[in-house]
Amino acid sequence: MSAMGEEATRGQEQRRALAADFFNRVWELLEQPRRTREQDDEMLHGAHASRALWAGVGTLADFDLPFAFEALARANAVAGERTLP
């Protein structure tokens, strides 16, 4: 594999890991019975970040992207409608 190919693969792996980290943190926050406003903000921003990262990951995106949209929908539902800072 060329150096550019290895760099692209490494970038995809980093993006996938970051998307998963955001996704997992969103679910941790969703499972809390009570959250602060700051935690709601973190949850909403994390859900958006996860979805955006999964969208550019490649072959796994077809599988993981719907879960990212589900997390985004749930985060918005539990946080209620409001404007993010």
N, C-alpha and C. Protein backbone atom coordinates (compact mmCIF):
# COMPACT_ATOMS: atom_id res chain seq x y z
N MET A 1 0.85 -1.17 0.00
CA MET A 1 0.00 0.00 0.00
C MET A 1 0.90 1.23 0.00
N SER A 2 0.50 2.25 -0.73
CA SER A 2 1.30 3.47 -0.80
C SER A 2 1.18 4.25 0.50
N ALA A 3 2.10 5.20 0.68
CA ALA A 3 2.08 6.02 1.89
C ALA A 3 0.77 6.80 1.98
N MET A 4 0.26 7.26 0.85
CA MET A 4 -1.01 8.00 0.87
C MET A 4 -2.16 7.07 1.23
N GLY A 5 -2.12 5.83 0.74
CA GLY A 5 -3.15 4.86 1.06
C GLY A 5 -3.14 4.50 2.54
N GLU A 6 -1.93 4.34 3.10
CA GLU A 6 -1.81 4.05 4.53
C GLU A 6 -2.31 5.22 5.36
N GLU A 7 -2.00 6.43 4.94
CA GLU A 7 -2.45 7.62 5.67
C GLU A 7 -3.98 7.73 5.62
N ALA A 8 -4.56 7.45 4.46
CA ALA A 8 -6.02 7.49 4.33
C ALA A 8 -6.67 6.44 5.22
N THR A 9 -6.09 5.25 5.25
CA THR A 9 -6.62 4.17 6.08
C THR A 9 -6.51 4.55 7.55
N ARG A 10 -5.39 5.12 7.95
CA ARG A 10 -5.20 5.54 9.33
C ARG A 10 -6.21 6.64 9.69
N GLY A 11 -6.45 7.55 8.76
CA GLY A 11 -7.44 8.59 8.98
C GLY A 11 -8.84 8.03 9.16
N GLN A 12 -9.19 7.04 8.35
CA GLN A 12 -10.50 6.38 8.48
C GLN A 12 -10.62 5.69 9.83
N GLU A 13 -9.57 5.02 10.25
CA GLU A 13 -9.59 4.33 11.55
C GLU A 13 -9.76 5.33 12.69
N GLN A 14 -9.06 6.46 12.61
CA GLN A 14 -9.18 7.48 13.65
C GLN A 14 -10.59 8.08 13.65
N ARG A 15 -11.12 8.32 12.48
CA ARG A 15 -12.47 8.87 12.36
C ARG A 15 -13.50 7.89 12.94
N ARG A 16 -13.35 6.62 12.61
CA ARG A 16 -14.26 5.59 13.13
C ARG A 16 -14.17 5.51 14.66
N ALA A 17 -12.97 5.55 15.21
CA ALA A 17 -12.80 5.49 16.66
C ALA A 17 -13.42 6.71 17.34
N LEU A 18 -13.24 7.87 16.76
CA LEU A 18 -13.81 9.08 17.32
C LEU A 18 -15.34 9.06 17.23
N ALA A 19 -15.87 8.59 16.11
CA ALA A 19 -17.33 8.47 15.95
C ALA A 19 -17.89 7.54 17.02
N ALA A 20 -17.22 6.42 17.25
CA ALA A 20 -17.68 5.46 18.25
C ALA A 20 -17.60 6.04 19.65
N ASP A 21 -16.54 6.79 19.94
CA ASP A 21 -16.41 7.42 21.26
C ASP A 21 -17.55 8.41 21.51
N PHE A 22 -17.83 9.26 20.53
CA PHE A 22 -18.94 10.19 20.67
C PHE A 22 -20.26 9.44 20.85
N PHE A 23 -20.47 8.42 20.02
CA PHE A 23 -21.70 7.63 20.07
C PHE A 23 -21.89 7.01 21.46
N ASN A 24 -20.83 6.39 21.98
CA ASN A 24 -20.92 5.74 23.29
C ASN A 24 -21.18 6.74 24.40
N ARG A 25 -20.56 7.92 24.32
CA ARG A 25 -20.79 8.94 25.34
C ARG A 25 -22.24 9.43 25.28
N VAL A 26 -22.78 9.59 24.09
CA VAL A 26 -24.18 10.01 23.95
C VAL A 26 -25.08 9.01 24.65
N TRP A 27 -24.85 7.71 24.44
CA TRP A 27 -25.70 6.70 25.08
C TRP A 27 -25.53 6.68 26.59
N GLU A 28 -24.30 6.94 27.07
CA GLU A 28 -24.11 7.05 28.52
C GLU A 28 -24.98 8.17 29.08
N LEU A 29 -24.99 9.30 28.40
CA LEU A 29 -25.79 10.43 28.86
C LEU A 29 -27.28 10.16 28.73
N LEU A 30 -27.68 9.48 27.65
CA LEU A 30 -29.09 9.16 27.47
C LEU A 30 -29.61 8.27 28.60
N GLU A 31 -28.77 7.40 29.11
CA GLU A 31 -29.18 6.45 30.14
C GLU A 31 -29.26 7.06 31.54
N GLN A 32 -28.72 8.25 31.71
CA GLN A 32 -28.79 8.91 33.01
C GLN A 32 -30.22 9.40 33.26
N PRO A 33 -30.75 9.15 34.44
CA PRO A 33 -32.12 9.58 34.73
C PRO A 33 -32.25 11.10 34.78
N ARG A 34 -31.19 11.78 35.16
CA ARG A 34 -31.19 13.25 35.21
C ARG A 34 -29.87 13.75 34.64
N ARG A 35 -29.97 14.82 33.88
CA ARG A 35 -28.78 15.44 33.30
C ARG A 35 -28.85 16.94 33.55
N THR A 36 -27.67 17.55 33.64
CA THR A 36 -27.61 19.01 33.72
C THR A 36 -27.79 19.58 32.32
N ARG A 37 -28.01 20.86 32.24
CA ARG A 37 -28.10 21.51 30.94
C ARG A 37 -26.80 21.33 30.14
N GLU A 38 -25.67 21.38 30.84
CA GLU A 38 -24.37 21.19 30.19
C GLU A 38 -24.25 19.77 29.63
N GLN A 39 -24.76 18.80 30.37
CA GLN A 39 -24.73 17.42 29.87
C GLN A 39 -25.66 17.25 28.68
N ASP A 40 -26.81 17.92 28.70
CA ASP A 40 -27.69 17.89 27.52
C ASP A 40 -26.98 18.48 26.32
N ASP A 41 -26.26 19.60 26.53
CA ASP A 41 -25.50 20.21 25.43
C ASP A 41 -24.44 19.23 24.90
N GLU A 42 -23.72 18.59 25.83
CA GLU A 42 -22.70 17.62 25.44
C GLU A 42 -23.33 16.47 24.65
N MET A 43 -24.47 16.01 25.11
CA MET A 43 -25.17 14.90 24.45
C MET A 43 -25.58 15.29 23.03
N LEU A 44 -26.16 16.48 22.89
CA LEU A 44 -26.62 16.91 21.56
C LEU A 44 -25.45 17.15 20.61
N HIS A 45 -24.43 17.84 21.09
CA HIS A 45 -23.26 18.08 20.24
C HIS A 45 -22.56 16.76 19.89
N GLY A 46 -22.49 15.86 20.86
CA GLY A 46 -21.88 14.56 20.60
C GLY A 46 -22.64 13.75 19.58
N ALA A 47 -23.96 13.81 19.64
CA ALA A 47 -24.79 13.08 18.67
C ALA A 47 -24.58 13.64 17.26
N HIS A 48 -24.50 14.96 17.15
CA HIS A 48 -24.24 15.56 15.83
C HIS A 48 -22.84 15.19 15.33
N ALA A 49 -21.86 15.24 16.22
CA ALA A 49 -20.49 14.90 15.83
C ALA A 49 -20.39 13.44 15.40
N SER A 50 -21.02 12.55 16.15
CA SER A 50 -20.99 11.13 15.81
C SER A 50 -21.60 10.89 14.43
N ARG A 51 -22.75 11.49 14.18
CA ARG A 51 -23.41 11.32 12.89
C ARG A 51 -22.54 11.84 11.75
N ALA A 52 -21.95 12.99 11.94
CA ALA A 52 -21.10 13.57 10.90
C ALA A 52 -19.87 12.69 10.64
N LEU A 53 -19.27 12.18 11.69
CA LEU A 53 -18.10 11.33 11.51
C LEU A 53 -18.46 10.00 10.86
N TRP A 54 -19.56 9.37 11.29
CA TRP A 54 -19.95 8.10 10.68
C TRP A 54 -20.26 8.27 9.20
N ALA A 55 -20.77 9.43 8.83
CA ALA A 55 -21.13 9.65 7.42
C ALA A 55 -19.92 9.56 6.50
N GLY A 56 -18.73 9.81 7.02
CA GLY A 56 -17.55 9.78 6.17
C GLY A 56 -16.60 8.64 6.42
N VAL A 57 -17.07 7.58 7.07
CA VAL A 57 -16.17 6.50 7.46
C VAL A 57 -15.95 5.45 6.38
N GLY A 58 -16.83 5.28 5.46
CA GLY A 58 -16.62 4.26 4.44
C GLY A 58 -17.58 3.10 4.57
N THR A 59 -17.10 1.89 4.42
CA THR A 59 -17.98 0.72 4.32
C THR A 59 -18.84 0.49 5.55
N LEU A 60 -18.33 0.76 6.75
CA LEU A 60 -19.14 0.55 7.95
C LEU A 60 -20.23 1.61 8.08
N ALA A 61 -20.09 2.72 7.36
CA ALA A 61 -21.06 3.80 7.48
C ALA A 61 -22.47 3.31 7.14
N ASP A 62 -22.59 2.41 6.17
CA ASP A 62 -23.91 1.91 5.79
C ASP A 62 -24.59 1.20 6.96
N PHE A 63 -23.80 0.59 7.81
CA PHE A 63 -24.33 -0.11 8.98
C PHE A 63 -24.51 0.84 10.16
N ASP A 64 -23.51 1.68 10.42
CA ASP A 64 -23.48 2.50 11.62
C ASP A 64 -24.25 3.81 11.50
N LEU A 65 -24.40 4.33 10.31
CA LEU A 65 -25.07 5.62 10.14
C LEU A 65 -26.51 5.62 10.67
N PRO A 66 -27.30 4.59 10.43
CA PRO A 66 -28.66 4.60 11.01
C PRO A 66 -28.65 4.65 12.53
N PHE A 67 -27.69 4.00 13.17
CA PHE A 67 -27.59 4.06 14.63
C PHE A 67 -27.22 5.47 15.08
N ALA A 68 -26.37 6.14 14.31
CA ALA A 68 -26.02 7.52 14.63
C ALA A 68 -27.24 8.42 14.53
N PHE A 69 -28.08 8.20 13.52
CA PHE A 69 -29.31 8.99 13.40
C PHE A 69 -30.26 8.69 14.55
N GLU A 70 -30.31 7.43 14.99
CA GLU A 70 -31.17 7.08 16.12
C GLU A 70 -30.69 7.81 17.38
N ALA A 71 -29.39 7.82 17.63
CA ALA A 71 -28.84 8.52 18.80
C ALA A 71 -29.16 10.01 18.72
N LEU A 72 -29.04 10.57 17.53
CA LEU A 72 -29.35 11.99 17.33
C LEU A 72 -30.82 12.27 17.63
N ALA A 73 -31.70 11.43 17.14
CA ALA A 73 -33.13 11.61 17.39
C ALA A 73 -33.46 11.47 18.87
N ARG A 74 -32.89 10.47 19.52
CA ARG A 74 -33.17 10.27 20.94
C ARG A 74 -32.62 11.42 21.78
N ALA A 75 -31.42 11.88 21.45
CA ALA A 75 -30.82 12.99 22.19
C ALA A 75 -31.70 14.23 22.09
N ASN A 76 -32.19 14.50 20.89
CA ASN A 76 -33.07 15.65 20.71
C ASN A 76 -34.39 15.46 21.44
N ALA A 77 -34.90 14.26 21.46
CA ALA A 77 -36.18 14.00 22.12
C ALA A 77 -36.08 14.19 23.63
N VAL A 78 -35.02 13.68 24.23
CA VAL A 78 -34.91 13.79 25.69
C VAL A 78 -34.46 15.17 26.15
N ALA A 79 -33.70 15.86 25.33
CA ALA A 79 -33.25 17.20 25.71
C ALA A 79 -34.33 18.24 25.48
N GLY A 80 -35.27 17.93 24.62
CA GLY A 80 -36.31 18.89 24.31
C GLY A 80 -35.84 19.88 23.26
N GLU A 81 -36.78 20.61 22.73
CA GLU A 81 -36.43 21.59 21.70
C GLU A 81 -35.86 22.83 22.33
N ARG A 82 -34.67 23.17 21.92
CA ARG A 82 -34.04 24.41 22.36
C ARG A 82 -32.87 24.71 21.44
N THR A 83 -32.34 25.87 21.56
CA THR A 83 -31.21 26.28 20.74
C THR A 83 -29.93 25.93 21.46
N LEU A 84 -28.99 25.32 20.74
CA LEU A 84 -27.71 24.99 21.34
C LEU A 84 -26.81 26.22 21.38
N PRO A 85 -25.93 26.26 22.39
CA PRO A 85 -24.99 27.39 22.46
C PRO A 85 -23.94 27.28 21.38
